[in-house]
Amino acid sequence: MKTSNVYARIEPDVKEKAEAILNDIGIPASVAINMYYKQIIISNGIPFKVINGMPKQINIGLMSKEEFDTDMENRYNEALNEKGVEANKYFKQFKTRMKKNAK
């Protein structure tokens, strides 16, 4: 099978972390990249939803009861459809924000 080269600039820490995971599971980076490209073809686009990593921040004190209920319903539906943020990740982000606000 013929091959072709792909050259890409990647942040060093991202490359290091990703390659460590790939090494642990026994997949060379070139195979993982080939798999990703094949998934792009199969999906006819990026094979995962691209979203802003931080959830929308809300201030409950400034919301009406109706706004709060709507926001809670939307977040519940996001969780049901696996569009939310994992709890561990959210609380880590929350703790980081709290530390920054305390300074």
PDB file of N, CA and C in Angstrom:
ATOM      1  N   MET A   1       0.833  -1.167   0.000  1.00  0.00           N
ATOM      2  CA  MET A   1       0.000   0.000   0.000  1.00  0.00           C
ATOM      3  C   MET A   1       0.888   1.244   0.000  1.00  0.00           C
ATOM      4  N   LYS A   2       0.542   2.186  -0.859  1.00  0.00           N
ATOM      5  CA  LYS A   2       1.268   3.452  -0.883  1.00  0.00           C
ATOM      6  C   LYS A   2       0.876   4.293   0.314  1.00  0.00           C
ATOM      7  N   THR A   3       1.795   5.148   0.737  1.00  0.00           N
ATOM      8  CA  THR A   3       1.501   6.061   1.836  1.00  0.00           C
ATOM      9  C   THR A   3       1.846   7.474   1.421  1.00  0.00           C
ATOM     10  N   SER A   4       1.357   8.421   2.187  1.00  0.00           N
ATOM     11  CA  SER A   4       1.624   9.832   1.955  1.00  0.00           C
ATOM     12  C   SER A   4       1.964  10.461   3.293  1.00  0.00           C
ATOM     13  N   ASN A   5       2.774  11.493   3.288  1.00  0.00           N
ATOM     14  CA  ASN A   5       3.181  12.160   4.522  1.00  0.00           C
ATOM     15  C   ASN A   5       2.218  13.280   4.886  1.00  0.00           C
ATOM     16  N   VAL A   6       2.016  13.465   6.183  1.00  0.00           N
ATOM     17  CA  VAL A   6       1.238  14.574   6.716  1.00  0.00           C
ATOM     18  C   VAL A   6       2.153  15.323   7.674  1.00  0.00           C
ATOM     19  N   TYR A   7       2.264  16.621   7.494  1.00  0.00           N
ATOM     20  CA  TYR A   7       3.075  17.440   8.388  1.00  0.00           C
ATOM     21  C   TYR A   7       2.138  18.392   9.120  1.00  0.00           C
ATOM     22  N   ALA A   8       2.214  18.389  10.429  1.00  0.00           N
ATOM     23  CA  ALA A   8       1.338  19.248  11.218  1.00  0.00           C
ATOM     24  C   ALA A   8       2.097  19.791  12.419  1.00  0.00           C
ATOM     25  N   ARG A   9       1.809  21.024  12.780  1.00  0.00           N
ATOM     26  CA  ARG A   9       2.386  21.619  13.986  1.00  0.00           C
ATOM     27  C   ARG A   9       1.431  21.315  15.137  1.00  0.00           C
ATOM     28  N   ILE A  10       1.971  20.736  16.199  1.00  0.00           N
ATOM     29  CA  ILE A  10       1.180  20.359  17.365  1.00  0.00           C
ATOM     30  C   ILE A  10       1.892  20.863  18.609  1.00  0.00           C
ATOM     31  N   GLU A  11       1.116  21.360  19.562  1.00  0.00           N
ATOM     32  CA  GLU A  11       1.710  21.815  20.812  1.00  0.00           C
ATOM     33  C   GLU A  11       2.474  20.651  21.449  1.00  0.00           C
ATOM     34  N   PRO A  12       3.702  20.891  21.912  1.00  0.00           N
ATOM     35  CA  PRO A  12       4.528  19.802  22.438  1.00  0.00           C
ATOM     36  C   PRO A  12       3.873  18.988  23.549  1.00  0.00           C
ATOM     37  N   ASP A  13       3.192  19.667  24.492  1.00  0.00           N
ATOM     38  CA  ASP A  13       2.582  18.916  25.590  1.00  0.00           C
ATOM     39  C   ASP A  13       1.403  18.070  25.116  1.00  0.00           C
ATOM     40  N   VAL A  14       0.658  18.565  24.129  1.00  0.00           N
ATOM     41  CA  VAL A  14      -0.457  17.793  23.567  1.00  0.00           C
ATOM     42  C   VAL A  14       0.083  16.549  22.875  1.00  0.00           C
ATOM     43  N   LYS A  15       1.137  16.730  22.076  1.00  0.00           N
ATOM     44  CA  LYS A  15       1.760  15.605  21.373  1.00  0.00           C
ATOM     45  C   LYS A  15       2.274  14.566  22.367  1.00  0.00           C
ATOM     46  N   GLU A  16       2.959  15.042  23.404  1.00  0.00           N
ATOM     47  CA  GLU A  16       3.546  14.141  24.397  1.00  0.00           C
ATOM     48  C   GLU A  16       2.473  13.329  25.128  1.00  0.00           C
ATOM     49  N   LYS A  17       1.424  14.007  25.575  1.00  0.00           N
ATOM     50  CA  LYS A  17       0.350  13.325  26.302  1.00  0.00           C
ATOM     51  C   LYS A  17      -0.387  12.328  25.410  1.00  0.00           C
ATOM     52  N   ALA A  18      -0.703  12.752  24.194  1.00  0.00           N
ATOM     53  CA  ALA A  18      -1.425  11.862  23.277  1.00  0.00           C
ATOM     54  C   ALA A  18      -0.581  10.645  22.914  1.00  0.00           C
ATOM     55  N   GLU A  19       0.694  10.858  22.628  1.00  0.00           N
ATOM     56  CA  GLU A  19       1.549   9.739  22.257  1.00  0.00           C
ATOM     57  C   GLU A  19       1.782   8.789  23.432  1.00  0.00           C
ATOM     58  N   ALA A  20       1.791   9.297  24.653  1.00  0.00           N
ATOM     59  CA  ALA A  20       1.920   8.427  25.825  1.00  0.00           C
ATOM     60  C   ALA A  20       0.708   7.505  25.931  1.00  0.00           C
ATOM     61  N   ILE A  21      -0.478   8.055  25.692  1.00  0.00           N
ATOM     62  CA  ILE A  21      -1.701   7.238  25.722  1.00  0.00           C
ATOM     63  C   ILE A  21      -1.678   6.220  24.595  1.00  0.00           C
ATOM     64  N   LEU A  22      -1.309   6.667  23.404  1.00  0.00           N
ATOM     65  CA  LEU A  22      -1.244   5.740  22.262  1.00  0.00           C
ATOM     66  C   LEU A  22      -0.233   4.628  22.520  1.00  0.00           C
ATOM     67  N   ASN A  23       0.915   4.959  23.109  1.00  0.00           N
ATOM     68  CA  ASN A  23       1.916   3.936  23.441  1.00  0.00           C
ATOM     69  C   ASN A  23       1.352   2.918  24.424  1.00  0.00           C
ATOM     70  N   ASP A  24       0.604   3.412  25.421  1.00  0.00           N
ATOM     71  CA  ASP A  24       0.005   2.516  26.420  1.00  0.00           C
ATOM     72  C   ASP A  24      -0.946   1.507  25.788  1.00  0.00           C
ATOM     73  N   ILE A  25      -1.661   1.943  24.751  1.00  0.00           N
ATOM     74  CA  ILE A  25      -2.617   1.022  24.120  1.00  0.00           C
ATOM     75  C   ILE A  25      -2.040   0.347  22.880  1.00  0.00           C
ATOM     76  N   GLY A  26      -0.779   0.652  22.583  1.00  0.00           N
ATOM     77  CA  GLY A  26      -0.083  -0.054  21.508  1.00  0.00           C
ATOM     78  C   GLY A  26      -0.426   0.394  20.099  1.00  0.00           C
ATOM     79  N   ILE A  27      -0.784   1.658  19.950  1.00  0.00           N
ATOM     80  CA  ILE A  27      -1.121   2.171  18.616  1.00  0.00           C
ATOM     81  C   ILE A  27      -0.117   3.261  18.242  1.00  0.00           C
ATOM     82  N   PRO A  28       0.610   3.083  17.141  1.00  0.00           N
ATOM     83  CA  PRO A  28       1.523   4.145  16.692  1.00  0.00           C
ATOM     84  C   PRO A  28       0.740   5.403  16.294  1.00  0.00           C
ATOM     85  N   ALA A  29       1.353   6.559  16.448  1.00  0.00           N
ATOM     86  CA  ALA A  29       0.700   7.820  16.104  1.00  0.00           C
ATOM     87  C   ALA A  29       0.241   7.819  14.646  1.00  0.00           C
ATOM     88  N   SER A  30       1.026   7.264  13.751  1.00  0.00           N
ATOM     89  CA  SER A  30       0.649   7.253  12.339  1.00  0.00           C
ATOM     90  C   SER A  30      -0.634   6.452  12.106  1.00  0.00           C
ATOM     91  N   VAL A  31      -0.800   5.356  12.859  1.00  0.00           N
ATOM     92  CA  VAL A  31      -2.022   4.551  12.735  1.00  0.00           C
ATOM     93  C   VAL A  31      -3.214   5.332  13.287  1.00  0.00           C
ATOM     94  N   ALA A  32      -3.017   6.017  14.419  1.00  0.00           N
ATOM     95  CA  ALA A  32      -4.094   6.805  15.008  1.00  0.00           C
ATOM     96  C   ALA A  32      -4.531   7.930  14.067  1.00  0.00           C
ATOM     97  N   ILE A  33      -3.577   8.594  13.445  1.00  0.00           N
ATOM     98  CA  ILE A  33      -3.897   9.661  12.493  1.00  0.00           C
ATOM     99  C   ILE A  33      -4.644   9.088  11.302  1.00  0.00           C
ATOM    100  N   ASN A  34      -4.209   7.937  10.798  1.00  0.00           N
ATOM    101  CA  ASN A  34      -4.893   7.279   9.686  1.00  0.00           C
ATOM    102  C   ASN A  34      -6.329   6.917  10.080  1.00  0.00           C
ATOM    103  N   MET A  35      -6.511   6.422  11.311  1.00  0.00           N
ATOM    104  CA  MET A  35      -7.849   6.093  11.812  1.00  0.00           C
ATOM    105  C   MET A  35      -8.724   7.351  11.853  1.00  0.00           C
ATOM    106  N   TYR A  36      -8.151   8.442  12.327  1.00  0.00           N
ATOM    107  CA  TYR A  36      -8.889   9.702  12.420  1.00  0.00           C
ATOM    108  C   TYR A  36      -9.321  10.174  11.026  1.00  0.00           C
ATOM    109  N   TYR A  37      -8.418  10.132  10.080  1.00  0.00           N
ATOM    110  CA  TYR A  37      -8.745  10.530   8.709  1.00  0.00           C
ATOM    111  C   TYR A  37      -9.852   9.655   8.133  1.00  0.00           C
ATOM    112  N   LYS A  38      -9.797   8.354   8.406  1.00  0.00           N
ATOM    113  CA  LYS A  38     -10.852   7.452   7.914  1.00  0.00           C
ATOM    114  C   LYS A  38     -12.196   7.793   8.544  1.00  0.00           C
ATOM    115  N   GLN A  39     -12.191   8.152   9.827  1.00  0.00           N
ATOM    116  CA  GLN A  39     -13.434   8.541  10.483  1.00  0.00           C
ATOM    117  C   GLN A  39     -13.983   9.850   9.901  1.00  0.00           C
ATOM    118  N   ILE A  40     -13.108  10.756   9.497  1.00  0.00           N
ATOM    119  CA  ILE A  40     -13.551  11.988   8.834  1.00  0.00           C
ATOM    120  C   ILE A  40     -14.274  11.641   7.537  1.00  0.00           C
ATOM    121  N   ILE A  41     -13.725  10.684   6.802  1.00  0.00           N
ATOM    122  CA  ILE A  41     -14.351  10.255   5.545  1.00  0.00           C
ATOM    123  C   ILE A  41     -15.706   9.609   5.817  1.00  0.00           C
ATOM    124  N   ILE A  42     -15.741   8.683   6.770  1.00  0.00           N
ATOM    125  CA  ILE A  42     -16.991   7.980   7.101  1.00  0.00           C
ATOM    126  C   ILE A  42     -18.058   8.970   7.571  1.00  0.00           C
ATOM    127  N   SER A  43     -17.664   9.930   8.406  1.00  0.00           N
ATOM    128  CA  SER A  43     -18.603  10.905   8.977  1.00  0.00           C
ATOM    129  C   SER A  43     -18.914  12.047   8.023  1.00  0.00           C
ATOM    130  N   ASN A  44     -18.109  12.171   6.982  1.00  0.00           N
ATOM    131  CA  ASN A  44     -18.201  13.303   6.061  1.00  0.00           C
ATOM    132  C   ASN A  44     -18.060  14.620   6.834  1.00  0.00           C
ATOM    133  N   GLY A  45     -17.132  14.618   7.785  1.00  0.00           N
ATOM    134  CA  GLY A  45     -16.876  15.786   8.619  1.00  0.00           C
ATOM    135  C   GLY A  45     -16.089  15.368   9.844  1.00  0.00           C
ATOM    136  N   ILE A  46     -15.960  16.260  10.785  1.00  0.00           N
ATOM    137  CA  ILE A  46     -15.268  15.936  12.036  1.00  0.00           C
ATOM    138  C   ILE A  46     -16.102  14.869  12.757  1.00  0.00           C
ATOM    139  N   PRO A  47     -15.483  13.780  13.213  1.00  0.00           N
ATOM    140  CA  PRO A  47     -16.261  12.671  13.778  1.00  0.00           C
ATOM    141  C   PRO A  47     -16.687  12.854  15.237  1.00  0.00           C
ATOM    142  N   PHE A  48     -16.707  14.065  15.721  1.00  0.00           N
ATOM    143  CA  PHE A  48     -17.183  14.357  17.065  1.00  0.00           C
ATOM    144  C   PHE A  48     -17.665  15.790  17.077  1.00  0.00           C
ATOM    145  N   LYS A  49     -18.505  16.108  18.049  1.00  0.00           N
ATOM    146  CA  LYS A  49     -19.040  17.454  18.153  1.00  0.00           C
ATOM    147  C   LYS A  49     -17.961  18.390  18.690  1.00  0.00           C
ATOM    148  N   VAL A  50     -17.744  19.496  18.012  1.00  0.00           N
ATOM    149  CA  VAL A  50     -16.773  20.501  18.440  1.00  0.00           C
ATOM    150  C   VAL A  50     -17.545  21.582  19.200  1.00  0.00           C
ATOM    151  N   ILE A  51     -17.205  21.730  20.505  1.00  0.00           N
ATOM    152  CA  ILE A  51     -17.914  22.694  21.337  1.00  0.00           C
ATOM    153  C   ILE A  51     -16.922  23.522  22.128  1.00  0.00           C
ATOM    154  N   ASN A  52     -17.401  24.625  22.642  1.00  0.00           N
ATOM    155  CA  ASN A  52     -16.617  25.438  23.557  1.00  0.00           C
ATOM    156  C   ASN A  52     -16.484  24.642  24.848  1.00  0.00           C
ATOM    157  N   GLY A  53     -15.278  24.493  25.371  1.00  0.00           N
ATOM    158  CA  GLY A  53     -15.035  23.644  26.516  1.00  0.00           C
ATOM    159  C   GLY A  53     -15.641  24.098  27.833  1.00  0.00           C
ATOM    160  N   MET A  54     -15.960  25.355  27.975  1.00  0.00           N
ATOM    161  CA  MET A  54     -16.504  25.834  29.244  1.00  0.00           C
ATOM    162  C   MET A  54     -18.014  26.005  29.126  1.00  0.00           C
ATOM    163  N   PRO A  55     -18.746  25.459  30.083  1.00  0.00           N
ATOM    164  CA  PRO A  55     -20.186  25.675  30.061  1.00  0.00           C
ATOM    165  C   PRO A  55     -20.515  27.135  30.330  1.00  0.00           C
ATOM    166  N   LYS A  56     -21.672  27.544  29.872  1.00  0.00           N
ATOM    167  CA  LYS A  56     -22.117  28.915  30.084  1.00  0.00           C
ATOM    168  C   LYS A  56     -22.225  29.182  31.584  1.00  0.00           C
ATOM    169  N   GLN A  57     -21.639  30.280  32.034  1.00  0.00           N
ATOM    170  CA  GLN A  57     -21.727  30.621  33.448  1.00  0.00           C
ATOM    171  C   GLN A  57     -23.035  31.355  33.700  1.00  0.00           C
ATOM    172  N   ILE A  58     -23.678  31.018  34.801  1.00  0.00           N
ATOM    173  CA  ILE A  58     -24.942  31.655  35.139  1.00  0.00           C
ATOM    174  C   ILE A  58     -24.850  32.273  36.522  1.00  0.00           C
ATOM    175  N   ASN A  59     -25.675  33.272  36.749  1.00  0.00           N
ATOM    176  CA  ASN A  59     -25.797  33.891  38.057  1.00  0.00           C
ATOM    177  C   ASN A  59     -27.245  33.705  38.484  1.00  0.00           C
ATOM    178  N   ILE A  60     -27.479  32.735  39.370  1.00  0.00           N
ATOM    179  CA  ILE A  60     -28.836  32.388  39.773  1.00  0.00           C
ATOM    180  C   ILE A  60     -29.554  33.597  40.379  1.00  0.00           C
ATOM    181  N   GLY A  61     -28.819  34.440  41.079  1.00  0.00           N
ATOM    182  CA  GLY A  61     -29.425  35.602  41.710  1.00  0.00           C
ATOM    183  C   GLY A  61     -30.045  36.585  40.732  1.00  0.00           C
ATOM    184  N   LEU A  62     -29.601  36.571  39.490  1.00  0.00           N
ATOM    185  CA  LEU A  62     -30.123  37.498  38.485  1.00  0.00           C
ATOM    186  C   LEU A  62     -31.193  36.858  37.599  1.00  0.00           C
ATOM    187  N   MET A  63     -31.542  35.599  37.879  1.00  0.00           N
ATOM    188  CA  MET A  63     -32.498  34.881  37.032  1.00  0.00           C
ATOM    189  C   MET A  63     -33.886  34.862  37.665  1.00  0.00           C
ATOM    190  N   SER A  64     -34.898  34.925  36.785  1.00  0.00           N
ATOM    191  CA  SER A  64     -36.261  34.706  37.273  1.00  0.00           C
ATOM    192  C   SER A  64     -36.459  33.202  37.466  1.00  0.00           C
ATOM    193  N   LYS A  65     -37.523  32.821  38.139  1.00  0.00           N
ATOM    194  CA  LYS A  65     -37.826  31.406  38.339  1.00  0.00           C
ATOM    195  C   LYS A  65     -37.989  30.703  36.983  1.00  0.00           C
ATOM    196  N   GLU A  66     -38.632  31.366  36.039  1.00  0.00           N
ATOM    197  CA  GLU A  66     -38.848  30.785  34.713  1.00  0.00           C
ATOM    198  C   GLU A  66     -37.521  30.572  33.987  1.00  0.00           C
ATOM    199  N   GLU A  67     -36.623  31.566  34.077  1.00  0.00           N
ATOM    200  CA  GLU A  67     -35.305  31.429  33.441  1.00  0.00           C
ATOM    201  C   GLU A  67     -34.508  30.279  34.063  1.00  0.00           C
ATOM    202  N   PHE A  68     -34.569  30.194  35.399  1.00  0.00           N
ATOM    203  CA  PHE A  68     -33.864  29.130  36.094  1.00  0.00           C
ATOM    204  C   PHE A  68     -34.406  27.764  35.673  1.00  0.00           C
ATOM    205  N   ASP A  69     -35.742  27.619  35.675  1.00  0.00           N
ATOM    206  CA  ASP A  69     -36.362  26.351  35.290  1.00  0.00           C
ATOM    207  C   ASP A  69     -35.998  25.970  33.865  1.00  0.00           C
ATOM    208  N   THR A  70     -36.001  26.939  32.953  1.00  0.00           N
ATOM    209  CA  THR A  70     -35.637  26.675  31.559  1.00  0.00           C
ATOM    210  C   THR A  70     -34.187  26.245  31.446  1.00  0.00           C
ATOM    211  N   ASP A  71     -33.299  26.937  32.171  1.00  0.00           N
ATOM    212  CA  ASP A  71     -31.875  26.587  32.139  1.00  0.00           C
ATOM    213  C   ASP A  71     -31.653  25.175  32.683  1.00  0.00           C
ATOM    214  N   MET A  72     -32.312  24.842  33.787  1.00  0.00           N
ATOM    215  CA  MET A  72     -32.176  23.493  34.368  1.00  0.00           C
ATOM    216  C   MET A  72     -32.694  22.424  33.401  1.00  0.00           C
ATOM    217  N   GLU A  73     -33.810  22.706  32.747  1.00  0.00           N
ATOM    218  CA  GLU A  73     -34.359  21.751  31.777  1.00  0.00           C
ATOM    219  C   GLU A  73     -33.404  21.565  30.599  1.00  0.00           C
ATOM    220  N   ASN A  74     -32.825  22.674  30.114  1.00  0.00           N
ATOM    221  CA  ASN A  74     -31.866  22.582  29.004  1.00  0.00           C
ATOM    222  C   ASN A  74     -30.639  21.763  29.403  1.00  0.00           C
ATOM    223  N   ARG A  75     -30.115  22.010  30.602  1.00  0.00           N
ATOM    224  CA  ARG A  75     -28.938  21.268  31.055  1.00  0.00           C
ATOM    225  C   ARG A  75     -29.255  19.794  31.275  1.00  0.00           C
ATOM    226  N   TYR A  76     -30.466  19.500  31.752  1.00  0.00           N
ATOM    227  CA  TYR A  76     -30.899  18.111  31.920  1.00  0.00           C
ATOM    228  C   TYR A  76     -30.947  17.416  30.554  1.00  0.00           C
ATOM    229  N   ASN A  77     -31.524  18.100  29.560  1.00  0.00           N
ATOM    230  CA  ASN A  77     -31.595  17.521  28.212  1.00  0.00           C
ATOM    231  C   ASN A  77     -30.207  17.328  27.610  1.00  0.00           C
ATOM    232  N   GLU A  78     -29.282  18.260  27.874  1.00  0.00           N
ATOM    233  CA  GLU A  78     -27.904  18.101  27.413  1.00  0.00           C
ATOM    234  C   GLU A  78     -27.287  16.843  28.011  1.00  0.00           C
ATOM    235  N   ALA A  79     -27.519  16.628  29.292  1.00  0.00           N
ATOM    236  CA  ALA A  79     -26.976  15.438  29.951  1.00  0.00           C
ATOM    237  C   ALA A  79     -27.574  14.162  29.346  1.00  0.00           C
ATOM    238  N   LEU A  80     -28.878  14.166  29.099  1.00  0.00           N
ATOM    239  CA  LEU A  80     -29.523  12.994  28.493  1.00  0.00           C
ATOM    240  C   LEU A  80     -28.958  12.685  27.113  1.00  0.00           C
ATOM    241  N   ASN A  81     -28.601  13.748  26.388  1.00  0.00           N
ATOM    242  CA  ASN A  81     -28.074  13.587  25.025  1.00  0.00           C
ATOM    243  C   ASN A  81     -26.558  13.582  24.977  1.00  0.00           C
ATOM    244  N   GLU A  82     -25.929  13.413  26.154  1.00  0.00           N
ATOM    245  CA  GLU A  82     -24.469  13.346  26.279  1.00  0.00           C
ATOM    246  C   GLU A  82     -23.766  14.558  25.687  1.00  0.00           C
ATOM    247  N   LYS A  83     -24.364  15.729  25.863  1.00  0.00           N
ATOM    248  CA  LYS A  83     -23.766  16.966  25.372  1.00  0.00           C
ATOM    249  C   LYS A  83     -23.218  17.815  26.510  1.00  0.00           C
ATOM    250  N   GLY A  84     -23.343  17.331  27.723  1.00  0.00           N
ATOM    251  CA  GLY A  84     -22.872  18.083  28.873  1.00  0.00           C
ATOM    252  C   GLY A  84     -21.402  17.852  29.137  1.00  0.00           C
ATOM    253  N   VAL A  85     -20.948  18.374  30.236  1.00  0.00           N
ATOM    254  CA  VAL A  85     -19.567  18.217  30.672  1.00  0.00           C
ATOM    255  C   VAL A  85     -19.547  17.186  31.792  1.00  0.00           C
ATOM    256  N   GLU A  86     -18.564  16.289  31.767  1.00  0.00           N
ATOM    257  CA  GLU A  86     -18.447  15.291  32.827  1.00  0.00           C
ATOM    258  C   GLU A  86     -18.300  15.994  34.168  1.00  0.00           C
ATOM    259  N   ALA A  87     -18.897  15.411  35.212  1.00  0.00           N
ATOM    260  CA  ALA A  87     -18.917  16.036  36.535  1.00  0.00           C
ATOM    261  C   ALA A  87     -17.513  16.334  37.052  1.00  0.00           C
ATOM    262  N   ASN A  88     -16.597  15.371  36.934  1.00  0.00           N
ATOM    263  CA  ASN A  88     -15.227  15.590  37.428  1.00  0.00           C
ATOM    264  C   ASN A  88     -14.577  16.772  36.735  1.00  0.00           C
ATOM    265  N   LYS A  89     -14.771  16.859  35.426  1.00  0.00           N
ATOM    266  CA  LYS A  89     -14.180  17.957  34.664  1.00  0.00           C
ATOM    267  C   LYS A  89     -14.819  19.287  35.074  1.00  0.00           C
ATOM    268  N   TYR A  90     -16.152  19.282  35.230  1.00  0.00           N
ATOM    269  CA  TYR A  90     -16.841  20.506  35.611  1.00  0.00           C
ATOM    270  C   TYR A  90     -16.361  20.999  36.969  1.00  0.00           C
ATOM    271  N   PHE A  91     -16.293  20.093  37.964  1.00  0.00           N
ATOM    272  CA  PHE A  91     -15.901  20.515  39.313  1.00  0.00           C
ATOM    273  C   PHE A  91     -14.441  20.962  39.356  1.00  0.00           C
ATOM    274  N   LYS A  92     -13.598  20.360  38.540  1.00  0.00           N
ATOM    275  CA  LYS A  92     -12.207  20.812  38.461  1.00  0.00           C
ATOM    276  C   LYS A  92     -12.167  22.250  37.927  1.00  0.00           C
ATOM    277  N   GLN A  93     -12.942  22.512  36.865  1.00  0.00           N
ATOM    278  CA  GLN A  93     -13.012  23.857  36.307  1.00  0.00           C
ATOM    279  C   GLN A  93     -13.613  24.831  37.323  1.00  0.00           C
ATOM    280  N   PHE A  94     -14.649  24.378  38.039  1.00  0.00           N
ATOM    281  CA  PHE A  94     -15.303  25.201  39.044  1.00  0.00           C
ATOM    282  C   PHE A  94     -14.329  25.590  40.153  1.00  0.00           C
ATOM    283  N   LYS A  95     -13.563  24.615  40.661  1.00  0.00           N
ATOM    284  CA  LYS A  95     -12.596  24.883  41.719  1.00  0.00           C
ATOM    285  C   LYS A  95     -11.538  25.868  41.247  1.00  0.00           C
ATOM    286  N   THR A  96     -11.100  25.724  40.005  1.00  0.00           N
ATOM    287  CA  THR A  96     -10.105  26.636  39.439  1.00  0.00           C
ATOM    288  C   THR A  96     -10.656  28.057  39.389  1.00  0.00           C
ATOM    289  N   ARG A  97     -11.917  28.188  38.928  1.00  0.00           N
ATOM    290  CA  ARG A  97     -12.543  29.521  38.877  1.00  0.00           C
ATOM    291  C   ARG A  97     -12.675  30.111  40.273  1.00  0.00           C
ATOM    292  N   MET A  98     -13.053  29.303  41.250  1.00  0.00           N
ATOM    293  CA  MET A  98     -13.224  29.775  42.628  1.00  0.00           C
ATOM    294  C   MET A  98     -11.903  30.273  43.191  1.00  0.00           C
ATOM    295  N   LYS A  99     -10.812  29.539  42.925  1.00  0.00           N
ATOM    296  CA  LYS A  99      -9.492  29.957  43.410  1.00  0.00           C
ATOM    297  C   LYS A  99      -9.095  31.300  42.802  1.00  0.00           C
ATOM    298  N   LYS A 100      -9.362  31.457  41.495  1.00  0.00           N
ATOM    299  CA  LYS A 100      -9.028  32.714  40.819  1.00  0.00           C
ATOM    300  C   LYS A 100      -9.840  33.866  41.379  1.00  0.00           C
ATOM    301  N   ASN A 101     -11.134  33.614  41.656  1.00  0.00           N
ATOM    302  CA  ASN A 101     -11.996  34.666  42.182  1.00  0.00           C
ATOM    303  C   ASN A 101     -11.635  35.042  43.610  1.00  0.00           C
ATOM    304  N   ALA A 102     -11.042  34.115  44.363  1.00  0.00           N
ATOM    305  CA  ALA A 102     -10.675  34.369  45.758  1.00  0.00           C
ATOM    306  C   ALA A 102      -9.456  35.269  45.869  1.00  0.00           C
ATOM    307  N   LYS A 103      -8.654  35.338  44.828  1.00  0.00           N
ATOM    308  CA  LYS A 103      -7.420  36.140  44.860  1.00  0.00           C
ATOM    309  C   LYS A 103      -7.674  37.613  44.667  1.00  0.00           C
TER     310      LYS A 103
END
